[in-house]
Structure formats: structure tokens, C-alpha cells
Amino acid sequence: MIIWINRRGVIVDPPVNSVEQLWSLGVSPKLIDHVILTHCHADHDAGTMQKLLQEGKINLITTPTIFTSFVRKLSWLTGLDHHYLRQLVNFQPVTVGCAMDLLGGEFIFRYTLHSIPTLSIEVNAFGKGAVYSSDTMNDVTFIHDLYSRGIISRGRRDDLLAFPWDKDVVFHEAGVPPLHTPLAFLCELPLEVRQKMYLVHVSASSIPEGSGLRVAPTGLANTVRLDVGELPHSEAIELLDLLSTIELLRHLDLAAAREILRIARIEQYEDGDAVFRQGDPGDKFYIVKSGHVDIQIGGRTLTIFSYGDFFGEKGLFLDDPRSADAIARSPTQLVMIPRNEMLHFLKGRESYRLLQEVALQQNTHLRQLIEANSNLNDLTPTQKTRLMGMIEQEVTYPPGEELFAGGAFGDAVYLVSSGRIRCEEESGRVCQLESGELLGVRALHPHHRPDTSTVRLFAVETVGCYRLPVERFRRFLEHNPGLELRLWFNRY
């Protein structure tokens, strides 16, 4: 389930492959940077780990009890230290029964009656309200029986009985007791409650005819909407949310945010429209607000930009004309900022240096190397562009020379750009590495991960490697924990 408020999403217990499903529906995962974890059963928490592997550090919302259980479970599954895993998310603890402001809505979490700690979710915003029961045994008779036998306290009983049936929309699970609420109990609820209820954990065929109950609809086209009319400052909020997804701009102060709102323009394109053509002047900077843009040379697509991706940065710092075509591949909205106004805005800010590095390091061969690396090739276009901006000069090794003698990679990670490398491990394993391989990633985790074996690398022929300083790469990984997890298991 995704709860949308102010055009931003909060995903609840994401299933496996939820990110891929969203992409297939045309929804950028960047619109959903908050995850609520209700409990640690596999059908509810399996996709949360997968969400960690995508772009950006997720904001994980749950109680300290559930979070600790989740991290320990991940630690056992992955073999990674649970203290290290905690650093890969922004954990936002909730206090049961207390309101939490999120995306402009009021969220209230309560523990349900289930086999392990489990949260229900109540959401109130702009005069409307909804509730999701999560897994629970919400049968009044059963709850009273537990109290009468001294199994639960009076306070616990009263809290369970105070389920907010009065909300505008009620999403409630149904299933086999005693871990789930039986359909028979839900069928006995007042008609006005049943008419605004959607069921999960149950098939449509099991719902009695004439009960007024129905299964929760699936898919974006069947989104249940609570209309609250036009919200104040909605356009400004939407634009600032977009900017907050961009690493180079997310730390702007209020004065800077006001300035960028003043200079930004929204441009509309239909499917097939050209944003610019090869040879056009590079006098504009673009950020994708919705839709998709293909970057093409000779009709061949090099990369595809979507929500939160930016392009045209090379034209800010160089007088060269556009080196490729930019074509809208669907109805598309772009935030456009003219070159001179963007440069004036960036002057004196750290973003100027960072964006300049990205622009000047544009390199087709380097992008192809990143695509060839199994750990880097599924980064988003913006991530790849940012990574290219951090890469320093190329170093070369003649045939027969040992690379990084003694396994001392020093203060850098290396991306092999050309040539072949013979790898000899202490265990006797011998293999060959070629362009696109990353070397020296062990230096990223000196205090967490011991070397598994001694490795010696020899240039079979002249070898070229791009140098990526460890400290800069670590800062990049802080915002991209999915890549950090993948590199943890890199042998070299």
C-alpha cells in the first residue's frame, strides 16, 4: 500500500520487486522515500530490504522494538553486522499512540493483537481520515475473553477496543483466527462501516454476498482518493520536494530555495517532442518533474532520465553546443533554469563545484565502463553522472607490473579502463579481470570487514585505471546504501 499526501508517497510493507513494479507503472521510486514497517513477518518485511538496495537512503518508520527485530533478522540473513546495517537507513522511531507529522499528514500508530509486535496506521490530513489495521485479531468477544482470563491488561484491552471505525476509509485484514480477524466478525459491523471498508488478506470469493464488504482494489488506476481540494502552496511544495531528491541541491537554505523558485520555469513536452537537438546551444539546465527523456545520438538511446534526474549541466560551464538529442518519450514536464541565472544562483555555493565536476567529467567511455560493472550498471542516470564527476586522473601500469603491491590500494578505489589483469589469490584461485572491474573496495570498510585473503594483481598488458578517492566515494555511498551493500561482497 502507498499512502499519497501532497503528491509524495509513503509505502507500507513494500513487497519484493515493488520498485520494479512502480517503474513499470511509470512511478519513480524517488517519489516514495518513506517506508513504514508494520511487523517482521516475511510477507510484510521482505521488500524493505530490497528497497534498501535502491537509490537513496530510505526513511524507515516503525517502533524501536520492530526496528531492532528487523535489523537482527537482516543480520542473520546477510551475515552483516547489525550495527553496520543500522547505518544504512534513516530510522525514524514512532511512539505508539502519539501523532507523527509526515508529508503534511498526521500519522498515529498503535500495536495490534498479533503473534509478534505489529502496528496499525491511522492517517488524518486536511479534514479526512483513513486507517489500516495491519494483521490483527480485532474481534471484540475475543479481546474481552483475553482480559477476563488475565492475559491482557485493562489498558491494553481498552486500546484494542478503541479501533477508529469512524474514519472515511477503513482498510482491514481478514483471515484465519486467532492471528487474524474472522470475516464473520466484520460482517456483523454496522452497514455504514462496511460500506467504507476494503479488505486485504482475503479473496473476493470468500466474502459473503450481500455483506457490503469488498476486497481492496489494486493498481494505480484504482487508487482510493479522499478529495480535499486544492492545497495551499502545492506547486511550491512539489518543486521543493523535487529539488530535495537531488543530492547537489537538497541542502539549500530558505533564501536559496526562494531564489530557485523565482528562476525556475516549467516546460511541457508531448511524446516525441525534442527538448533540444545535437548542435543546439547549451544555454539551459533541466530537471525532470514528470515523464521521461531519452538522450540519443544518431537515434541510439544512451540513457533515459526520469523524475529527479537532471541534464544539461555541461552547457553551464562550457560553450560547446549540445552533443546529443534530448527527446521526450512520454508526456513530460521539465523544470528549466536558464544558464546565466543558474550560474548566478550557484556562485559561492558548494553545489557549484560539485556540478562543475560532474559537467567536466562527461565521458562516453567512462559511462560505458560504469555500465559494464555489475555493481554500478543499475545505478540511476543521475547516480552515474555524479559518480563520473568524482573520478580523477587515469593511471597506467606496463605489462608484467604488479598493481598495488602487497594489496595496498591506499586511499583510492580504481575502475579498470583498459587492459587485462591477472589475479592470484592466496587460496590458489587465479582469474582474469578486464575493463569495468572495481578494485580496492576493501578500503571502504577497513574497520568492518577483514581481508579474506591476500590478493596479487599483475598487468597482462598495459592497464589503465581511473582513480576514485576513498573519502569522496564514501560520501557518495552515504546517500546510496544499496551500492555500499553490493560492494561489501566484492572480492577485490
Protein backbone atom coordinates (compact mmCIF):
# COMPACT_ATOMS: atom_id res chain seq x y z
CA MET A 1 0.00 0.00 0.00
CA ILE A 2 1.16 3.52 -0.81
CA ILE A 3 -0.30 6.46 1.09
CA TRP A 4 -0.10 9.63 -1.02
CA ILE A 5 -0.14 13.07 0.62
CA ASN A 6 0.86 16.29 -1.15
CA ARG A 7 1.94 14.23 -4.18
CA ARG A 8 4.53 12.30 -2.14
CA GLY A 9 4.23 8.65 -1.18
CA VAL A 10 4.72 6.58 1.95
CA ILE A 11 4.94 2.86 1.17
CA VAL A 12 3.69 0.38 3.76
CA ASP A 13 5.40 -3.02 3.99
CA PRO A 14 6.74 -2.95 0.42
CA PRO A 15 6.60 -6.34 -1.30
CA VAL A 16 9.52 -7.89 -3.16
CA ASN A 17 10.11 -6.20 -6.55
CA SER A 18 7.95 -3.21 -5.58
CA VAL A 19 10.50 -0.82 -7.10
CA GLU A 20 10.39 -2.63 -10.44
CA GLN A 21 6.59 -2.70 -10.31
CA LEU A 22 6.50 1.05 -9.72
CA TRP A 23 8.83 1.70 -12.64
CA SER A 24 6.62 -0.44 -14.88
CA LEU A 25 3.67 1.76 -13.86
CA GLY A 26 5.60 4.93 -14.61
CA VAL A 27 6.06 5.91 -10.94
CA SER A 28 9.55 6.97 -9.89
CA PRO A 29 10.68 5.41 -6.58
CA LYS A 30 12.12 8.86 -5.78
CA LEU A 31 8.55 9.96 -5.05
CA ILE A 32 8.49 7.42 -2.22
CA ASP A 33 11.31 7.93 0.27
CA HIS A 34 9.45 6.87 3.44
CA VAL A 35 8.79 3.24 4.35
CA ILE A 36 6.51 2.11 7.18
CA LEU A 37 7.28 -1.35 8.53
CA THR A 38 4.32 -2.77 10.47
CA HIS A 39 5.93 -6.05 11.56
CA CYS A 40 8.59 -8.64 10.81
CA HIS A 41 6.74 -11.43 9.03
CA ALA A 42 8.19 -12.24 5.61
CA ASP A 43 5.08 -11.20 3.66
CA HIS A 44 5.43 -7.73 5.18
CA ASP A 45 9.18 -7.07 5.52
CA ALA A 46 10.80 -8.88 2.58
CA GLY A 47 10.59 -5.92 0.23
CA THR A 48 12.01 -3.45 2.77
CA MET A 49 15.46 -4.99 2.42
CA GLN A 50 15.15 -4.75 -1.35
CA LYS A 51 14.12 -1.10 -1.04
CA LEU A 52 17.43 -0.53 0.77
CA LEU A 53 19.25 -1.55 -2.39
CA GLN A 54 17.75 1.24 -4.48
CA GLU A 55 18.79 4.87 -4.85
CA GLY A 56 18.89 6.97 -1.73
CA LYS A 57 18.86 6.23 1.96
CA ILE A 58 15.29 5.37 2.96
CA ASN A 59 13.46 6.82 5.94
CA LEU A 60 12.28 3.74 7.84
CA ILE A 61 9.35 4.40 10.17
CA THR A 62 8.46 1.91 12.89
CA THR A 63 8.90 1.36 16.63
CA PRO A 64 12.34 0.67 18.17
CA THR A 65 11.15 -2.85 19.03
CA ILE A 66 10.20 -3.71 15.43
CA PHE A 67 13.29 -1.98 14.02
CA THR A 68 15.61 -3.97 16.27
CA SER A 69 13.90 -7.22 15.23
CA PHE A 70 14.17 -6.27 11.55
CA VAL A 71 17.87 -5.42 11.75
CA ARG A 72 18.70 -8.62 13.63
CA LYS A 73 16.79 -10.63 11.03
CA LEU A 74 18.73 -8.92 8.22
CA SER A 75 21.98 -9.56 10.03
CA TRP A 76 21.29 -13.29 10.19
CA LEU A 77 20.20 -13.40 6.53
CA THR A 78 23.13 -11.40 5.13
CA GLY A 79 25.95 -12.13 7.57
CA LEU A 80 26.45 -8.38 8.04
CA ASP A 81 26.90 -6.83 11.47
CA HIS A 82 23.62 -5.38 12.77
CA HIS A 83 25.40 -2.19 13.93
CA TYR A 84 26.56 -1.66 10.34
CA LEU A 85 23.09 -2.36 8.93
CA ARG A 86 21.56 0.30 11.19
CA GLN A 87 23.66 2.94 9.42
CA LEU A 88 22.11 2.15 6.04
CA VAL A 89 18.72 3.70 6.87
CA ASN A 90 17.38 6.83 8.48
CA PHE A 91 15.42 5.24 11.31
CA GLN A 92 12.50 7.43 12.43
CA PRO A 93 11.10 5.93 15.65
CA VAL A 94 7.42 6.30 16.43
CA THR A 95 5.78 6.49 19.82
CA VAL A 96 2.69 4.30 20.00
CA GLY A 97 -0.47 6.38 20.36
CA CYS A 98 1.23 9.72 19.65
CA ALA A 99 0.71 11.69 16.43
CA MET A 100 3.63 11.97 13.99
CA ASP A 101 3.68 14.60 11.23
CA LEU A 102 4.64 13.13 7.87
CA LEU A 103 4.33 14.84 4.47
CA GLY A 104 1.75 17.20 5.97
CA GLY A 105 -0.42 14.43 7.41
CA GLU A 106 -0.93 13.20 10.97
CA PHE A 107 0.05 9.54 11.44
CA ILE A 108 -0.91 7.62 14.60
CA PHE A 109 0.45 4.13 15.22
CA ARG A 110 -0.92 1.56 17.65
CA TYR A 111 0.06 -2.00 18.49
CA THR A 112 -2.45 -4.56 17.21
CA LEU A 113 -3.26 -8.04 18.56
CA HIS A 114 -0.97 -10.36 16.63
CA SER A 115 1.66 -13.05 17.26
CA ILE A 116 4.52 -10.51 17.22
CA PRO A 117 4.63 -6.69 17.69
CA THR A 118 2.56 -5.24 14.84
CA LEU A 119 1.40 -1.70 14.05
CA SER A 120 -1.88 -0.32 12.74
CA ILE A 121 -1.78 3.03 10.95
CA GLU A 122 -4.25 5.90 11.28
CA VAL A 123 -3.80 8.87 8.92
CA ASN A 124 -5.53 12.25 9.16
CA ALA A 125 -4.98 15.09 6.71
CA PHE A 126 -6.98 18.13 5.59
CA GLY A 127 -10.15 17.03 7.37
CA LYS A 128 -10.12 13.45 6.03
CA GLY A 129 -9.02 10.22 7.70
CA ALA A 130 -8.12 6.62 6.89
CA VAL A 131 -6.99 3.61 8.90
CA TYR A 132 -5.11 0.41 8.04
CA SER A 133 -5.49 -2.41 10.57
CA SER A 134 -2.44 -4.44 9.52
CA ASP A 135 -2.52 -8.04 10.80
CA THR A 136 -4.66 -8.27 13.93
CA MET A 137 -7.31 -10.23 15.77
CA ASN A 138 -9.88 -7.45 16.01
CA ASP A 139 -12.79 -9.49 17.40
CA VAL A 140 -14.42 -7.75 20.39
CA THR A 141 -15.51 -11.02 22.03
CA PHE A 142 -12.02 -12.48 21.76
CA ILE A 143 -10.44 -9.32 23.23
CA HIS A 144 -12.84 -9.34 26.20
CA ASP A 145 -12.08 -13.02 26.78
CA LEU A 146 -8.32 -12.34 26.91
CA TYR A 147 -8.93 -9.65 29.51
CA SER A 148 -11.25 -11.80 31.63
CA ARG A 149 -8.58 -14.52 31.76
CA GLY A 150 -5.91 -12.03 32.85
CA ILE A 151 -3.88 -12.38 29.65
CA ILE A 152 -4.03 -8.67 28.77
CA SER A 153 -4.37 -5.61 30.99
CA ARG A 154 -7.32 -3.24 31.17
CA GLY A 155 -5.34 -0.55 29.35
CA ARG A 156 -4.38 -2.96 26.58
CA ARG A 157 -7.99 -4.12 26.27
CA ASP A 158 -9.30 -0.56 26.05
CA ASP A 159 -6.69 0.40 23.45
CA LEU A 160 -7.59 -2.59 21.25
CA LEU A 161 -11.32 -1.85 21.53
CA ALA A 162 -10.79 1.80 20.51
CA PHE A 163 -10.23 0.95 16.82
CA PRO A 164 -11.20 4.04 14.75
CA TRP A 165 -14.09 2.60 12.72
CA ASP A 166 -15.32 6.17 12.11
CA LYS A 167 -12.63 7.04 9.53
CA ASP A 168 -13.60 7.90 5.94
CA VAL A 169 -11.83 4.78 4.65
CA VAL A 170 -11.03 1.57 6.54
CA PHE A 171 -8.52 -0.96 5.17
CA HIS A 172 -8.86 -4.10 7.26
CA GLU A 173 -7.28 -7.53 7.00
CA ALA A 174 -9.38 -10.68 7.29
CA GLY A 175 -8.24 -14.23 7.75
CA VAL A 176 -7.91 -17.24 9.99
CA PRO A 177 -8.19 -16.63 13.74
CA PRO A 178 -6.61 -16.30 16.24
CA LEU A 179 -3.90 -14.38 14.32
CA HIS A 180 -6.35 -12.58 12.02
CA THR A 181 -9.82 -11.12 12.20
CA PRO A 182 -12.53 -13.57 11.07
CA LEU A 183 -14.86 -12.48 8.29
CA ALA A 184 -17.84 -13.36 10.46
CA PHE A 185 -16.98 -10.53 12.87
CA LEU A 186 -16.51 -7.98 10.08
CA CYS A 187 -19.84 -8.98 8.53
CA GLU A 188 -21.58 -8.05 11.79
CA LEU A 189 -20.27 -4.48 11.84
CA PRO A 190 -22.77 -1.64 11.16
CA LEU A 191 -23.60 -1.20 7.47
CA GLU A 192 -22.16 2.35 7.37
CA VAL A 193 -18.78 0.90 8.44
CA ARG A 194 -18.87 -1.99 5.98
CA GLN A 195 -19.67 0.37 3.10
CA LYS A 196 -16.42 2.30 3.57
CA MET A 197 -14.27 -0.79 4.28
CA TYR A 198 -11.79 -2.53 1.97
CA LEU A 199 -10.48 -5.97 2.87
CA VAL A 200 -6.96 -7.36 2.48
CA HIS A 201 -5.53 -10.85 3.17
CA VAL A 202 -8.71 -12.39 1.73
CA SER A 203 -10.03 -13.38 -1.70
CA ALA A 204 -13.20 -11.93 -3.20
CA SER A 205 -14.73 -15.41 -3.48
CA SER A 206 -14.70 -15.86 0.31
CA ILE A 207 -16.74 -12.71 1.02
CA PRO A 208 -20.44 -13.47 1.64
CA GLU A 209 -22.84 -11.99 -0.91
CA GLY A 210 -24.87 -9.08 0.40
CA SER A 211 -22.36 -8.35 3.19
CA GLY A 212 -21.42 -4.98 1.69
CA LEU A 213 -17.75 -5.91 2.03
CA ARG A 214 -15.24 -5.86 -0.82
CA VAL A 215 -11.59 -6.59 -1.49
CA ALA A 216 -9.21 -3.61 -1.67
CA PRO A 217 -8.63 -2.73 -5.34
CA THR A 218 -5.10 -2.90 -6.74
CA GLY A 219 -3.20 -0.78 -9.23
CA LEU A 220 -2.74 2.96 -9.62
CA ALA A 221 -5.92 3.26 -11.65
CA ASN A 222 -7.88 2.01 -8.62
CA THR A 223 -6.34 4.38 -6.09
CA VAL A 224 -8.86 5.21 -3.35
CA ARG A 225 -8.99 9.01 -3.23
CA LEU A 226 -10.15 11.32 -0.47
CA ASP A 227 -10.66 14.63 -2.23
CA VAL A 228 -9.53 17.62 -0.17
CA GLY A 229 -9.48 20.20 -2.95
CA GLU A 230 -6.50 22.35 -3.92
CA LEU A 231 -3.89 22.55 -1.18
CA PRO A 232 -2.12 25.81 -0.27
CA HIS A 233 1.33 26.33 -1.82
CA SER A 234 1.03 22.96 -3.59
CA GLU A 235 3.15 23.98 -6.63
CA ALA A 236 5.96 25.34 -4.46
CA ILE A 237 5.90 22.26 -2.22
CA GLU A 238 6.01 19.98 -5.24
CA LEU A 239 9.02 21.81 -6.70
CA LEU A 240 10.90 21.84 -3.39
CA ASP A 241 10.19 18.12 -2.97
CA LEU A 242 11.70 17.56 -6.42
CA LEU A 243 14.83 19.54 -5.54
CA SER A 244 15.22 17.62 -2.30
CA THR A 245 15.74 14.40 -4.29
CA ILE A 246 18.87 15.86 -5.92
CA GLU A 247 21.98 15.35 -3.83
CA LEU A 248 23.61 18.53 -5.18
CA LEU A 249 20.66 20.73 -4.14
CA ARG A 250 19.00 19.04 -1.16
CA HIS A 251 20.78 21.16 1.46
CA LEU A 252 19.62 24.57 0.21
CA ASP A 253 18.69 27.12 2.87
CA LEU A 254 15.42 29.08 2.81
CA ALA A 255 16.92 32.02 0.94
CA ALA A 256 18.31 29.72 -1.74
CA ALA A 257 15.01 27.86 -2.02
CA ARG A 258 13.21 31.19 -2.55
CA GLU A 259 15.69 32.12 -5.28
CA ILE A 260 15.38 28.86 -7.19
CA LEU A 261 11.57 29.07 -7.05
CA ARG A 262 11.90 32.51 -8.67
CA ILE A 263 14.16 31.46 -11.56
CA ALA A 264 12.69 28.03 -12.37
CA ARG A 265 10.22 27.62 -15.24
CA ILE A 266 8.01 24.62 -16.04
CA GLU A 267 8.07 23.39 -19.64
CA GLN A 268 5.63 20.85 -21.14
CA TYR A 269 6.52 18.30 -23.82
CA GLU A 270 4.48 15.65 -25.58
CA ASP A 271 5.69 12.18 -26.53
CA GLY A 272 8.30 12.55 -29.29
CA ASP A 273 8.94 16.27 -28.79
CA ALA A 274 12.57 17.41 -28.88
CA VAL A 275 13.78 19.24 -25.79
CA PHE A 276 16.92 20.11 -27.78
CA ARG A 277 18.86 18.73 -30.72
CA GLN A 278 22.53 17.95 -31.22
CA GLY A 279 24.27 21.19 -32.16
CA ASP A 280 21.82 23.47 -30.32
CA PRO A 281 23.33 25.96 -27.86
CA GLY A 282 23.74 24.64 -24.31
CA ASP A 283 22.01 27.53 -22.60
CA LYS A 284 19.54 25.74 -20.27
CA PHE A 285 19.66 23.36 -17.30
CA TYR A 286 16.86 20.79 -16.89
CA ILE A 287 15.35 18.68 -14.09
CA VAL A 288 12.71 16.06 -14.89
CA LYS A 289 9.49 16.77 -12.96
CA SER A 290 7.43 14.02 -14.62
CA GLY A 291 7.71 11.75 -17.63
CA HIS A 292 10.88 10.50 -19.31
CA VAL A 293 13.57 11.98 -21.58
CA ASP A 294 15.80 9.93 -23.91
CA ILE A 295 19.33 11.15 -24.58
CA GLN A 296 20.17 9.99 -28.10
CA ILE A 297 22.97 10.15 -30.65
CA GLY A 298 22.08 9.13 -34.19
CA GLY A 299 18.79 7.69 -32.98
CA ARG A 300 20.52 5.40 -30.46
CA THR A 301 19.44 5.91 -26.84
CA LEU A 302 22.38 6.39 -24.47
CA THR A 303 20.41 6.93 -21.27
CA ILE A 304 16.90 7.69 -20.03
CA PHE A 305 16.15 10.39 -17.47
CA SER A 306 13.09 10.35 -15.19
CA TYR A 307 11.79 12.10 -12.06
CA GLY A 308 14.57 13.87 -10.16
CA ASP A 309 17.22 13.36 -12.85
CA PHE A 310 18.96 16.44 -14.25
CA PHE A 311 20.73 17.08 -17.55
CA GLY A 312 22.27 19.95 -19.47
CA GLU A 313 24.88 20.66 -16.78
CA LYS A 314 27.75 20.54 -19.30
CA GLY A 315 26.35 23.59 -21.06
CA LEU A 316 26.56 25.60 -17.81
CA PHE A 317 30.36 25.53 -17.78
CA LEU A 318 31.37 25.04 -21.42
CA ASP A 319 30.41 26.94 -24.55
CA ASP A 320 30.15 23.72 -26.55
CA PRO A 321 26.87 23.02 -28.38
CA ARG A 322 24.67 20.10 -27.35
CA SER A 323 26.42 16.79 -28.07
CA ALA A 324 23.22 14.71 -28.25
CA ASP A 325 19.46 14.90 -28.77
CA ALA A 326 17.05 15.03 -25.81
CA ILE A 327 13.65 13.57 -26.75
CA ALA A 328 10.56 13.28 -24.55
CA ARG A 329 9.41 9.65 -24.58
CA SER A 330 6.06 10.39 -22.89
CA PRO A 331 4.06 13.46 -21.81
CA THR A 332 6.77 15.20 -19.81
CA GLN A 333 7.22 18.19 -17.51
CA LEU A 334 10.67 19.70 -17.06
CA VAL A 335 11.95 22.33 -14.66
CA MET A 336 14.07 24.61 -16.82
CA ILE A 337 16.54 27.17 -15.49
CA PRO A 338 18.41 29.44 -17.97
CA ARG A 339 22.17 29.09 -17.94
CA ASN A 340 23.08 32.59 -16.69
CA GLU A 341 20.51 32.50 -13.90
CA MET A 342 21.61 29.03 -12.80
CA LEU A 343 25.29 30.06 -12.72
CA HIS A 344 24.43 33.18 -10.72
CA PHE A 345 22.45 31.06 -8.30
CA LEU A 346 25.28 28.52 -7.85
CA LYS A 347 28.12 31.04 -7.40
CA GLY A 348 29.69 30.79 -3.98
CA ARG A 349 27.90 27.54 -3.10
CA GLU A 350 29.37 24.06 -2.74
CA SER A 351 26.87 22.93 -5.38
CA TYR A 352 28.80 24.99 -7.97
CA ARG A 353 32.00 22.96 -7.54
CA LEU A 354 30.14 19.64 -7.42
CA LEU A 355 28.08 20.36 -10.53
CA GLN A 356 31.17 21.63 -12.35
CA GLU A 357 32.99 18.37 -11.59
CA VAL A 358 30.05 16.43 -12.96
CA ALA A 359 29.91 18.57 -16.11
CA LEU A 360 33.62 18.48 -16.92
CA GLN A 361 33.96 14.73 -16.41
CA GLN A 362 31.31 13.82 -19.01
CA ASN A 363 32.94 10.94 -20.86
CA THR A 364 31.24 8.39 -23.09
CA HIS A 365 33.94 5.77 -22.47
CA LEU A 366 33.68 6.27 -18.71
CA ARG A 367 29.90 5.83 -18.85
CA GLN A 368 30.39 2.60 -20.81
CA LEU A 369 32.79 1.32 -18.12
CA ILE A 370 30.21 2.02 -15.42
CA GLU A 371 27.59 0.18 -17.49
CA ALA A 372 29.97 -2.80 -17.76
CA ASN A 373 30.36 -3.13 -13.99
CA SER A 374 27.81 -5.46 -12.40
CA ASN A 375 27.65 -3.36 -9.22
CA LEU A 376 27.33 0.01 -10.95
CA ASN A 377 25.22 -0.68 -14.03
CA ASP A 378 21.84 -0.45 -12.27
CA LEU A 379 22.54 2.96 -10.74
CA THR A 380 20.21 5.67 -11.97
CA PRO A 381 21.44 8.09 -14.66
CA THR A 382 21.86 10.82 -12.02
CA GLN A 383 23.90 8.50 -9.79
CA LYS A 384 26.15 7.54 -12.71
CA THR A 385 26.63 11.17 -13.66
CA ARG A 386 27.51 12.08 -10.07
CA LEU A 387 29.95 9.16 -9.86
CA MET A 388 31.72 10.26 -13.04
CA GLY A 389 32.19 13.71 -11.53
CA MET A 390 34.20 12.23 -8.64
CA ILE A 391 36.65 10.23 -10.74
CA GLU A 392 40.18 11.58 -11.01
CA GLN A 393 43.03 11.08 -13.46
CA GLU A 394 43.83 7.79 -15.14
CA VAL A 395 46.91 5.84 -14.03
CA THR A 396 48.66 3.21 -16.17
CA TYR A 397 50.70 0.07 -15.48
CA PRO A 398 53.04 -1.57 -18.05
CA PRO A 399 52.81 -5.29 -18.87
CA GLY A 400 54.10 -7.52 -16.09
CA GLU A 401 53.97 -4.87 -13.35
CA GLU A 402 52.28 -5.73 -10.07
CA LEU A 403 49.40 -3.41 -9.25
CA PHE A 404 49.12 -2.19 -5.67
CA ALA A 405 51.97 -4.35 -4.37
CA GLY A 406 51.13 -6.17 -1.16
CA GLY A 407 47.43 -5.48 -1.61
CA ALA A 408 47.87 -1.85 -0.52
CA PHE A 409 45.30 0.05 -2.58
CA GLY A 410 45.93 3.15 -0.47
CA ASP A 411 43.33 5.90 -0.34
CA ALA A 412 41.51 5.18 -3.59
CA VAL A 413 39.24 2.75 -5.39
CA TYR A 414 40.11 2.03 -9.03
CA LEU A 415 37.92 1.42 -12.09
CA VAL A 416 39.77 -0.55 -14.75
CA SER A 417 39.51 1.37 -18.03
CA SER A 418 41.61 -0.81 -20.35
CA GLY A 419 43.82 -3.87 -20.45
CA ARG A 420 43.73 -7.22 -18.68
CA ILE A 421 44.80 -8.09 -15.14
CA ARG A 422 45.85 -11.47 -13.75
CA CYS A 423 44.57 -12.02 -10.23
CA GLU A 424 46.29 -14.51 -7.92
CA GLU A 425 44.72 -15.25 -4.53
CA GLU A 426 46.40 -16.81 -1.53
CA SER A 427 43.97 -19.73 -1.78
CA GLY A 428 45.39 -20.60 -5.21
CA ARG A 429 42.46 -19.18 -7.13
CA VAL A 430 43.54 -17.48 -10.39
CA CYS A 431 41.30 -15.35 -12.57
CA GLN A 432 41.43 -12.53 -15.07
CA LEU A 433 39.94 -9.07 -14.64
CA GLU A 434 39.13 -6.71 -17.50
CA SER A 435 37.78 -3.21 -18.09
CA GLY A 436 34.84 -2.21 -15.95
CA GLU A 437 36.07 -4.02 -12.82
CA LEU A 438 36.34 -2.17 -9.50
CA LEU A 439 39.49 -2.73 -7.45
CA GLY A 440 40.27 -1.72 -3.89
CA VAL A 441 36.75 -1.63 -2.46
CA ARG A 442 38.03 -3.28 0.72
CA ALA A 443 39.49 0.11 1.61
CA LEU A 444 35.92 1.40 2.01
CA HIS A 445 35.33 -0.81 5.07
CA PRO A 446 38.65 -1.08 6.90
CA HIS A 447 37.09 -1.33 10.37
CA HIS A 448 34.16 -3.57 9.49
CA ARG A 449 35.45 -6.16 7.07
CA PRO A 450 38.74 -8.02 7.39
CA ASP A 451 40.57 -9.13 4.26
CA THR A 452 39.54 -12.65 3.35
CA SER A 453 42.81 -13.46 1.58
CA THR A 454 45.94 -11.91 0.12
CA VAL A 455 45.49 -10.87 -3.49
CA ARG A 456 48.19 -10.08 -6.05
CA LEU A 457 47.33 -8.33 -9.32
CA PHE A 458 49.58 -8.24 -12.39
CA ALA A 459 49.14 -6.34 -15.66
CA VAL A 460 48.93 -8.88 -18.51
CA GLU A 461 49.16 -5.98 -20.94
CA THR A 462 49.20 -2.22 -20.49
CA VAL A 463 46.46 -1.49 -17.96
CA GLY A 464 44.68 1.81 -17.37
CA CYS A 465 42.69 2.58 -14.21
CA TYR A 466 40.59 5.57 -13.22
CA ARG A 467 41.21 6.68 -9.64
CA LEU A 468 38.30 7.36 -7.25
CA PRO A 469 39.36 8.79 -3.84
CA VAL A 470 38.04 6.68 -0.96
CA GLU A 471 36.75 9.59 1.12
CA ARG A 472 34.76 11.04 -1.77
CA PHE A 473 33.39 7.62 -2.65
CA ARG A 474 32.34 7.05 0.97
CA ARG A 475 30.34 10.30 0.94
CA PHE A 476 28.64 9.10 -2.24
CA LEU A 477 27.80 5.76 -0.61
CA GLU A 478 26.26 7.50 2.40
CA HIS A 479 23.42 8.53 0.08
CA ASN A 480 23.44 5.25 -1.85
CA PRO A 481 23.44 2.43 0.73
CA GLY A 482 22.28 -0.13 -1.82
CA LEU A 483 25.56 0.22 -3.70
CA GLU A 484 27.51 0.04 -0.44
CA LEU A 485 25.83 -3.27 0.41
CA ARG A 486 26.66 -4.70 -3.01
CA LEU A 487 30.29 -3.60 -2.78
CA TRP A 488 30.61 -5.22 0.65
CA PHE A 489 30.71 -8.61 -1.09
CA ASN A 490 33.16 -7.53 -3.82
CA ARG A 491 36.24 -9.80 -3.68
CA TYR A 492 38.76 -7.11 -4.59
